[in-house]
Amino acid sequence: MLDWIDPIILNFVYAALGGFLTIWFMKLGCGSFNKIVNFNISDELAKGNVAVGLMICGMFIGIGVATGLVIGLGLS
């Protein structure tokens, strides 16, 4: 189907799209979680709340790993 495109360029495009999708899902997940909880994540991080920072870190790692697996397994 895409035989006319160099595989290196095609892999770069796949990686760029995968990175964009991962960042988009992270923003979507953080935004939806911010609507669910009864505090503002940005305000709590500005106050130096380490627990909220660790929670967001865990969310980003989980969403990133899950999206990376889905994209990676979808390409094979």
N, C-alpha and C. Protein backbone atom coordinates (compact mmCIF):
# COMPACT_ATOMS: atom_id res chain seq x y z
N MET A 1 0.82 -1.18 0.00
CA MET A 1 0.00 0.00 0.00
C MET A 1 0.87 1.26 0.00
N LEU A 2 1.83 1.31 0.89
CA LEU A 2 2.71 2.46 0.96
C LEU A 2 4.13 2.08 0.56
N ASP A 3 4.25 1.30 -0.51
CA ASP A 3 5.56 0.82 -0.94
C ASP A 3 6.43 1.93 -1.50
N TRP A 4 5.85 3.01 -1.94
CA TRP A 4 6.63 4.08 -2.55
C TRP A 4 7.30 4.99 -1.53
N ILE A 5 6.94 4.85 -0.24
CA ILE A 5 7.54 5.66 0.82
C ILE A 5 8.69 4.87 1.45
N ASP A 6 9.80 5.55 1.69
CA ASP A 6 10.95 4.93 2.33
C ASP A 6 10.56 4.47 3.74
N PRO A 7 10.91 3.25 4.14
CA PRO A 7 10.51 2.75 5.47
C PRO A 7 11.02 3.60 6.63
N ILE A 8 12.17 4.23 6.48
CA ILE A 8 12.69 5.07 7.56
C ILE A 8 11.79 6.28 7.76
N ILE A 9 11.36 6.89 6.67
CA ILE A 9 10.47 8.05 6.75
C ILE A 9 9.11 7.62 7.30
N LEU A 10 8.63 6.48 6.87
CA LEU A 10 7.34 5.98 7.34
C LEU A 10 7.39 5.70 8.85
N ASN A 11 8.49 5.11 9.34
CA ASN A 11 8.62 4.86 10.77
C ASN A 11 8.70 6.16 11.55
N PHE A 12 9.36 7.18 10.99
CA PHE A 12 9.41 8.47 11.64
C PHE A 12 8.01 9.09 11.73
N VAL A 13 7.24 8.96 10.67
CA VAL A 13 5.86 9.49 10.68
C VAL A 13 5.02 8.74 11.71
N TYR A 14 5.18 7.40 11.77
CA TYR A 14 4.45 6.62 12.77
C TYR A 14 4.83 7.05 14.19
N ALA A 15 6.13 7.27 14.43
CA ALA A 15 6.58 7.68 15.76
C ALA A 15 6.04 9.07 16.11
N ALA A 16 6.06 9.98 15.14
CA ALA A 16 5.55 11.33 15.40
C ALA A 16 4.05 11.31 15.69
N LEU A 17 3.30 10.55 14.91
CA LEU A 17 1.86 10.45 15.16
C LEU A 17 1.57 9.77 16.50
N GLY A 18 2.35 8.74 16.82
CA GLY A 18 2.18 8.07 18.10
C GLY A 18 2.48 9.00 19.27
N GLY A 19 3.53 9.81 19.14
CA GLY A 19 3.85 10.78 20.18
C GLY A 19 2.76 11.83 20.34
N PHE A 20 2.24 12.30 19.21
CA PHE A 20 1.16 13.28 19.26
C PHE A 20 -0.08 12.69 19.93
N LEU A 21 -0.44 11.47 19.56
CA LEU A 21 -1.61 10.83 20.17
C LEU A 21 -1.40 10.61 21.67
N THR A 22 -0.19 10.23 22.06
CA THR A 22 0.08 10.01 23.48
C THR A 22 -0.07 11.29 24.27
N ILE A 23 0.48 12.39 23.75
CA ILE A 23 0.37 13.68 24.45
C ILE A 23 -1.09 14.12 24.51
N TRP A 24 -1.83 13.89 23.42
CA TRP A 24 -3.24 14.27 23.40
C TRP A 24 -4.03 13.47 24.44
N PHE A 25 -3.77 12.15 24.52
CA PHE A 25 -4.48 11.34 25.51
C PHE A 25 -4.09 11.73 26.93
N MET A 26 -2.83 12.12 27.14
CA MET A 26 -2.43 12.57 28.48
C MET A 26 -3.16 13.85 28.87
N LYS A 27 -3.27 14.77 27.93
CA LYS A 27 -3.99 16.03 28.20
C LYS A 27 -5.48 15.74 28.45
N LEU A 28 -6.05 14.86 27.65
CA LEU A 28 -7.45 14.48 27.83
C LEU A 28 -7.67 13.81 29.18
N GLY A 29 -6.79 12.90 29.56
CA GLY A 29 -6.92 12.21 30.83
C GLY A 29 -6.77 13.15 32.01
N CYS A 30 -5.80 14.05 31.94
CA CYS A 30 -5.60 15.00 33.04
C CYS A 30 -6.78 15.97 33.13
N GLY A 31 -7.27 16.43 31.99
CA GLY A 31 -8.41 17.35 32.00
C GLY A 31 -9.68 16.71 32.53
N SER A 32 -9.93 15.47 32.13
CA SER A 32 -11.14 14.79 32.62
C SER A 32 -11.00 14.45 34.11
N PHE A 33 -9.79 14.09 34.53
CA PHE A 33 -9.60 13.81 35.96
C PHE A 33 -9.76 15.07 36.79
N ASN A 34 -9.33 16.20 36.24
CA ASN A 34 -9.46 17.48 36.94
C ASN A 34 -10.93 17.85 37.14
N LYS A 35 -11.80 17.42 36.24
CA LYS A 35 -13.23 17.69 36.38
C LYS A 35 -13.88 16.75 37.40
N ILE A 36 -13.29 15.57 37.59
CA ILE A 36 -13.88 14.59 38.49
C ILE A 36 -13.58 14.92 39.95
N VAL A 37 -12.33 15.30 40.26
CA VAL A 37 -11.95 15.53 41.65
C VAL A 37 -12.44 16.90 42.12
N ASN A 38 -12.46 17.09 43.43
CA ASN A 38 -13.00 18.33 43.98
C ASN A 38 -11.91 19.36 44.28
N PHE A 39 -10.76 19.26 43.62
CA PHE A 39 -9.71 20.27 43.76
C PHE A 39 -9.13 20.53 42.38
N ASN A 40 -8.44 21.66 42.26
CA ASN A 40 -7.81 22.03 40.99
C ASN A 40 -6.36 21.56 41.01
N ILE A 41 -6.01 20.74 40.04
CA ILE A 41 -4.68 20.15 40.01
C ILE A 41 -3.61 21.23 39.87
N SER A 42 -3.84 22.22 39.03
CA SER A 42 -2.84 23.27 38.82
C SER A 42 -2.59 24.06 40.10
N ASP A 43 -3.66 24.37 40.82
CA ASP A 43 -3.51 25.12 42.06
C ASP A 43 -2.75 24.32 43.11
N GLU A 44 -3.07 23.04 43.21
CA GLU A 44 -2.39 22.19 44.18
C GLU A 44 -0.90 22.03 43.84
N LEU A 45 -0.59 21.91 42.56
CA LEU A 45 0.82 21.82 42.17
C LEU A 45 1.55 23.12 42.44
N ALA A 46 0.87 24.26 42.27
CA ALA A 46 1.48 25.55 42.55
C ALA A 46 1.77 25.71 44.05
N LYS A 47 0.92 25.09 44.89
CA LYS A 47 1.15 25.14 46.34
C LYS A 47 2.27 24.20 46.77
N GLY A 48 2.72 23.34 45.88
CA GLY A 48 3.79 22.40 46.22
C GLY A 48 3.30 21.09 46.78
N ASN A 49 2.07 20.70 46.47
CA ASN A 49 1.51 19.45 46.95
C ASN A 49 2.16 18.29 46.21
N VAL A 50 3.04 17.58 46.89
CA VAL A 50 3.80 16.49 46.28
C VAL A 50 2.90 15.31 45.93
N ALA A 51 1.88 15.06 46.72
CA ALA A 51 0.99 13.92 46.47
C ALA A 51 0.26 14.08 45.13
N VAL A 52 -0.17 15.29 44.83
CA VAL A 52 -0.84 15.54 43.55
C VAL A 52 0.16 15.38 42.40
N GLY A 53 1.38 15.84 42.61
CA GLY A 53 2.40 15.68 41.58
C GLY A 53 2.71 14.22 41.30
N LEU A 54 2.79 13.41 42.34
CA LEU A 54 3.02 11.98 42.14
C LEU A 54 1.82 11.30 41.48
N MET A 55 0.63 11.76 41.83
CA MET A 55 -0.57 11.19 41.20
C MET A 55 -0.58 11.49 39.70
N ILE A 56 -0.26 12.73 39.31
CA ILE A 56 -0.23 13.10 37.90
C ILE A 56 0.90 12.35 37.18
N CYS A 57 2.03 12.20 37.86
CA CYS A 57 3.14 11.44 37.29
C CYS A 57 2.71 10.00 37.00
N GLY A 58 2.02 9.38 37.93
CA GLY A 58 1.52 8.02 37.73
C GLY A 58 0.51 7.94 36.60
N MET A 59 -0.37 8.94 36.53
CA MET A 59 -1.34 8.97 35.42
C MET A 59 -0.63 9.07 34.08
N PHE A 60 0.36 9.97 33.97
CA PHE A 60 1.07 10.15 32.71
C PHE A 60 1.84 8.90 32.32
N ILE A 61 2.46 8.24 33.29
CA ILE A 61 3.20 7.02 32.99
C ILE A 61 2.23 5.94 32.52
N GLY A 62 1.12 5.78 33.22
CA GLY A 62 0.14 4.76 32.83
C GLY A 62 -0.47 5.01 31.47
N ILE A 63 -0.88 6.23 31.21
CA ILE A 63 -1.47 6.56 29.91
C ILE A 63 -0.44 6.42 28.81
N GLY A 64 0.79 6.84 29.09
CA GLY A 64 1.85 6.73 28.08
C GLY A 64 2.18 5.30 27.74
N VAL A 65 2.29 4.45 28.74
CA VAL A 65 2.59 3.04 28.50
C VAL A 65 1.44 2.37 27.75
N ALA A 66 0.21 2.62 28.19
CA ALA A 66 -0.94 2.00 27.54
C ALA A 66 -1.07 2.44 26.09
N THR A 67 -0.94 3.74 25.84
CA THR A 67 -1.05 4.23 24.47
C THR A 67 0.10 3.74 23.62
N GLY A 68 1.31 3.71 24.19
CA GLY A 68 2.45 3.19 23.44
C GLY A 68 2.29 1.73 23.07
N LEU A 69 1.74 0.94 23.97
CA LEU A 69 1.51 -0.47 23.65
C LEU A 69 0.47 -0.64 22.57
N VAL A 70 -0.60 0.14 22.65
CA VAL A 70 -1.65 0.04 21.65
C VAL A 70 -1.11 0.43 20.28
N ILE A 71 -0.38 1.53 20.22
CA ILE A 71 0.18 1.99 18.94
C ILE A 71 1.23 1.01 18.43
N GLY A 72 2.11 0.57 19.32
CA GLY A 72 3.17 -0.36 18.92
C GLY A 72 2.63 -1.70 18.44
N LEU A 73 1.66 -2.23 19.13
CA LEU A 73 1.09 -3.51 18.72
C LEU A 73 0.21 -3.36 17.48
N GLY A 74 -0.33 -2.18 17.28
CA GLY A 74 -1.14 -1.94 16.10
C GLY A 74 -0.31 -1.86 14.83
N LEU A 75 0.97 -1.54 14.95
CA LEU A 75 1.83 -1.42 13.77
C LEU A 75 2.38 -2.76 13.32
N SER A 76 2.41 -3.74 14.21
CA SER A 76 3.01 -5.02 13.82
C SER A 76 2.04 -5.94 13.13
